[in-house]
Amino acid sequence: MATHLWHAAKALREYALAFPEAWEDFPWEERVIKVGKKIFVFMGKVDSDGRIIHLSVKLPQSGAEVLLEDFAEPGSYGTGKYGWVALRFEGTDEPPLDRIRKWIDESYRAVAPKKLVKAIEGRLIG
């Protein structure tokens, strides 16, 4: 059992939920984190053994660079053309948590209302 991935997923979920007005929803039986009605992190179905992490984030600035990583690919269901990047980690993979937090931050800023983005300018979340 890859408990380190389960702990990584838990930490990323908590980080995403620390953003102003962020909340968790389960459309399509998958965990997502939203601000208002807009999703800013797809967390996928939770693997009960903690062996796989799936994340998708909207990366209008860094997406092209992130897609060069072995663990990244364009978002599924055509979302890649809108800047969504899917990240997948499994087994003994070590997710780069600090970088993923930056990508969650970028995704939040890409979809959140301007007043909420302005409220967090210059501060670290979580």
C-alpha atoms as a PDB file:
ATOM      1  CA  MET A   1       0.000   0.000   0.000  1.00  0.00           C
ATOM      2  CA  ALA A   2       1.444   3.379  -1.038  1.00  0.00           C
ATOM      3  CA  THR A   3       0.330   5.398   1.953  1.00  0.00           C
ATOM      4  CA  HIS A   4       2.614   8.263   0.951  1.00  0.00           C
ATOM      5  CA  LEU A   5       0.353   8.892  -2.057  1.00  0.00           C
ATOM      6  CA  TRP A   6      -2.737   8.808   0.144  1.00  0.00           C
ATOM      7  CA  HIS A   7      -1.121  11.387   2.449  1.00  0.00           C
ATOM      8  CA  ALA A   8      -0.063  13.498  -0.534  1.00  0.00           C
ATOM      9  CA  ALA A   9      -3.639  13.496  -1.894  1.00  0.00           C
ATOM     10  CA  LYS A  10      -4.980  14.441   1.528  1.00  0.00           C
ATOM     11  CA  ALA A  11      -2.493  17.322   1.846  1.00  0.00           C
ATOM     12  CA  LEU A  12      -3.352  18.642  -1.626  1.00  0.00           C
ATOM     13  CA  ARG A  13      -7.083  18.438  -0.886  1.00  0.00           C
ATOM     14  CA  GLU A  14      -6.597  20.407   2.344  1.00  0.00           C
ATOM     15  CA  TYR A  15      -4.453  22.963   0.516  1.00  0.00           C
ATOM     16  CA  ALA A  16      -7.092  23.505  -2.178  1.00  0.00           C
ATOM     17  CA  LEU A  17      -9.862  23.853   0.398  1.00  0.00           C
ATOM     18  CA  ALA A  18      -7.910  26.620   2.176  1.00  0.00           C
ATOM     19  CA  PHE A  19      -8.597  29.076  -0.665  1.00  0.00           C
ATOM     20  CA  PRO A  20     -11.327  31.674  -0.080  1.00  0.00           C
ATOM     21  CA  GLU A  21     -14.807  30.252  -0.700  1.00  0.00           C
ATOM     22  CA  ALA A  22     -13.406  26.888  -1.862  1.00  0.00           C
ATOM     23  CA  TRP A  23     -15.648  23.889  -1.295  1.00  0.00           C
ATOM     24  CA  GLU A  24     -15.760  20.224  -2.164  1.00  0.00           C
ATOM     25  CA  ASP A  25     -18.269  18.572  -4.467  1.00  0.00           C
ATOM     26  CA  PHE A  26     -18.722  15.094  -5.973  1.00  0.00           C
ATOM     27  CA  PRO A  27     -20.227  15.378  -9.466  1.00  0.00           C
ATOM     28  CA  TRP A  28     -19.854  12.235 -11.586  1.00  0.00           C
ATOM     29  CA  GLU A  29     -18.802  10.456  -8.336  1.00  0.00           C
ATOM     30  CA  GLU A  30     -15.444  12.246  -8.503  1.00  0.00           C
ATOM     31  CA  ARG A  31     -13.977  14.662  -5.998  1.00  0.00           C
ATOM     32  CA  VAL A  32     -13.631  18.246  -7.232  1.00  0.00           C
ATOM     33  CA  ILE A  33     -12.786  21.486  -5.476  1.00  0.00           C
ATOM     34  CA  LYS A  34     -14.797  24.519  -6.570  1.00  0.00           C
ATOM     35  CA  VAL A  35     -14.912  28.240  -6.029  1.00  0.00           C
ATOM     36  CA  GLY A  36     -18.456  29.385  -6.551  1.00  0.00           C
ATOM     37  CA  LYS A  37     -19.822  27.090  -9.265  1.00  0.00           C
ATOM     38  CA  LYS A  38     -16.471  26.683 -11.047  1.00  0.00           C
ATOM     39  CA  ILE A  39     -14.125  23.750 -10.594  1.00  0.00           C
ATOM     40  CA  PHE A  40     -10.468  24.602 -10.065  1.00  0.00           C
ATOM     41  CA  VAL A  41      -9.176  21.129  -9.131  1.00  0.00           C
ATOM     42  CA  PHE A  42     -10.395  17.750 -10.317  1.00  0.00           C
ATOM     43  CA  MET A  43      -9.140  15.177  -7.815  1.00  0.00           C
ATOM     44  CA  GLY A  44     -10.677  12.126  -9.440  1.00  0.00           C
ATOM     45  CA  LYS A  45     -11.989   9.043  -7.777  1.00  0.00           C
ATOM     46  CA  VAL A  46     -10.177   8.218  -4.599  1.00  0.00           C
ATOM     47  CA  ASP A  47      -8.192   4.986  -4.791  1.00  0.00           C
ATOM     48  CA  SER A  48      -8.983   3.277  -1.491  1.00  0.00           C
ATOM     49  CA  ASP A  49      -5.527   1.718  -1.314  1.00  0.00           C
ATOM     50  CA  GLY A  50      -3.843   5.081  -1.860  1.00  0.00           C
ATOM     51  CA  ARG A  51      -1.954   3.737  -4.891  1.00  0.00           C
ATOM     52  CA  ILE A  52      -2.954   6.338  -7.479  1.00  0.00           C
ATOM     53  CA  ILE A  53      -3.445  10.102  -7.483  1.00  0.00           C
ATOM     54  CA  HIS A  54      -5.202  11.845 -10.373  1.00  0.00           C
ATOM     55  CA  LEU A  55      -5.403  15.636 -10.454  1.00  0.00           C
ATOM     56  CA  SER A  56      -6.406  18.112 -13.144  1.00  0.00           C
ATOM     57  CA  VAL A  57      -5.784  21.827 -12.872  1.00  0.00           C
ATOM     58  CA  LYS A  58      -6.268  24.780 -15.210  1.00  0.00           C
ATOM     59  CA  LEU A  59      -2.858  26.228 -16.079  1.00  0.00           C
ATOM     60  CA  PRO A  60      -3.127  29.127 -18.527  1.00  0.00           C
ATOM     61  CA  GLN A  61       0.424  30.364 -17.784  1.00  0.00           C
ATOM     62  CA  SER A  62       2.490  27.268 -16.987  1.00  0.00           C
ATOM     63  CA  GLY A  63       0.528  24.529 -18.759  1.00  0.00           C
ATOM     64  CA  ALA A  64       2.868  24.129 -21.765  1.00  0.00           C
ATOM     65  CA  GLU A  65       5.861  23.734 -19.451  1.00  0.00           C
ATOM     66  CA  VAL A  66       4.071  21.310 -17.116  1.00  0.00           C
ATOM     67  CA  LEU A  67       3.050  19.139 -20.084  1.00  0.00           C
ATOM     68  CA  LEU A  68       6.747  18.341 -20.602  1.00  0.00           C
ATOM     69  CA  GLU A  69       6.685  16.294 -17.371  1.00  0.00           C
ATOM     70  CA  ASP A  70       6.288  12.513 -17.610  1.00  0.00           C
ATOM     71  CA  PHE A  71       3.366  12.597 -15.173  1.00  0.00           C
ATOM     72  CA  ALA A  72       1.369  15.231 -17.101  1.00  0.00           C
ATOM     73  CA  GLU A  73      -0.919  15.149 -20.125  1.00  0.00           C
ATOM     74  CA  PRO A  74      -3.640  17.393 -21.560  1.00  0.00           C
ATOM     75  CA  GLY A  75      -6.886  17.236 -19.615  1.00  0.00           C
ATOM     76  CA  SER A  76      -9.393  14.586 -20.646  1.00  0.00           C
ATOM     77  CA  TYR A  77     -12.761  15.020 -22.375  1.00  0.00           C
ATOM     78  CA  GLY A  78     -11.398  17.895 -24.461  1.00  0.00           C
ATOM     79  CA  THR A  79     -10.537  20.092 -21.464  1.00  0.00           C
ATOM     80  CA  GLY A  80      -6.870  20.197 -22.538  1.00  0.00           C
ATOM     81  CA  LYS A  81      -7.708  22.737 -25.246  1.00  0.00           C
ATOM     82  CA  TYR A  82      -8.915  25.065 -22.474  1.00  0.00           C
ATOM     83  CA  GLY A  83      -5.663  24.844 -20.508  1.00  0.00           C
ATOM     84  CA  TRP A  84      -6.465  21.897 -18.227  1.00  0.00           C
ATOM     85  CA  VAL A  85      -3.556  19.607 -17.403  1.00  0.00           C
ATOM     86  CA  ALA A  86      -3.985  16.135 -15.904  1.00  0.00           C
ATOM     87  CA  LEU A  87      -1.385  14.833 -13.432  1.00  0.00           C
ATOM     88  CA  ARG A  88      -1.052  11.154 -12.500  1.00  0.00           C
ATOM     89  CA  PHE A  89       1.086   9.553  -9.820  1.00  0.00           C
ATOM     90  CA  GLU A  90       1.084   5.907  -8.796  1.00  0.00           C
ATOM     91  CA  GLY A  91       2.996   3.289  -6.865  1.00  0.00           C
ATOM     92  CA  THR A  92       6.292   4.669  -5.611  1.00  0.00           C
ATOM     93  CA  ASP A  93       6.042   8.001  -7.468  1.00  0.00           C
ATOM     94  CA  GLU A  94       6.939  11.051  -5.388  1.00  0.00           C
ATOM     95  CA  PRO A  95       4.569  13.878  -6.320  1.00  0.00           C
ATOM     96  CA  PRO A  96       6.324  17.290  -6.303  1.00  0.00           C
ATOM     97  CA  LEU A  97       3.961  18.750  -3.687  1.00  0.00           C
ATOM     98  CA  ASP A  98       5.370  22.292  -3.676  1.00  0.00           C
ATOM     99  CA  ARG A  99       5.031  22.538  -7.443  1.00  0.00           C
ATOM    100  CA  ILE A 100       1.537  21.034  -7.383  1.00  0.00           C
ATOM    101  CA  ARG A 101       0.508  23.615  -4.767  1.00  0.00           C
ATOM    102  CA  LYS A 102       1.685  26.369  -7.144  1.00  0.00           C
ATOM    103  CA  TRP A 103      -0.376  24.815  -9.926  1.00  0.00           C
ATOM    104  CA  ILE A 104      -3.456  24.630  -7.688  1.00  0.00           C
ATOM    105  CA  ASP A 105      -2.875  28.311  -6.883  1.00  0.00           C
ATOM    106  CA  GLU A 106      -2.651  29.145 -10.606  1.00  0.00           C
ATOM    107  CA  SER A 107      -5.813  27.170 -11.309  1.00  0.00           C
ATOM    108  CA  TYR A 108      -7.718  28.936  -8.529  1.00  0.00           C
ATOM    109  CA  ARG A 109      -6.625  32.333  -9.850  1.00  0.00           C
ATOM    110  CA  ALA A 110      -7.698  31.308 -13.368  1.00  0.00           C
ATOM    111  CA  VAL A 111     -11.299  30.527 -12.403  1.00  0.00           C
ATOM    112  CA  ALA A 112     -12.073  32.476  -9.206  1.00  0.00           C
ATOM    113  CA  PRO A 113     -13.918  35.789  -9.281  1.00  0.00           C
ATOM    114  CA  LYS A 114     -11.549  38.761  -9.476  1.00  0.00           C
ATOM    115  CA  LYS A 115     -12.543  40.016  -6.016  1.00  0.00           C
ATOM    116  CA  LEU A 116     -11.386  36.723  -4.455  1.00  0.00           C
ATOM    117  CA  VAL A 117      -8.139  36.695  -6.440  1.00  0.00           C
ATOM    118  CA  LYS A 118      -7.467  40.272  -5.342  1.00  0.00           C
ATOM    119  CA  ALA A 119      -8.055  39.257  -1.715  1.00  0.00           C
ATOM    120  CA  ILE A 120      -5.197  36.736  -1.870  1.00  0.00           C
ATOM    121  CA  GLU A 121      -2.685  38.759  -3.868  1.00  0.00           C
ATOM    122  CA  GLY A 122       0.753  38.533  -2.299  1.00  0.00           C
ATOM    123  CA  ARG A 123      -0.173  35.863   0.241  1.00  0.00           C
ATOM    124  CA  LEU A 124       0.486  32.197   0.549  1.00  0.00           C
ATOM    125  CA  ILE A 125      -2.468  29.893   1.003  1.00  0.00           C
ATOM    126  CA  GLY A 126      -2.610  26.964   3.358  1.00  0.00           C
END
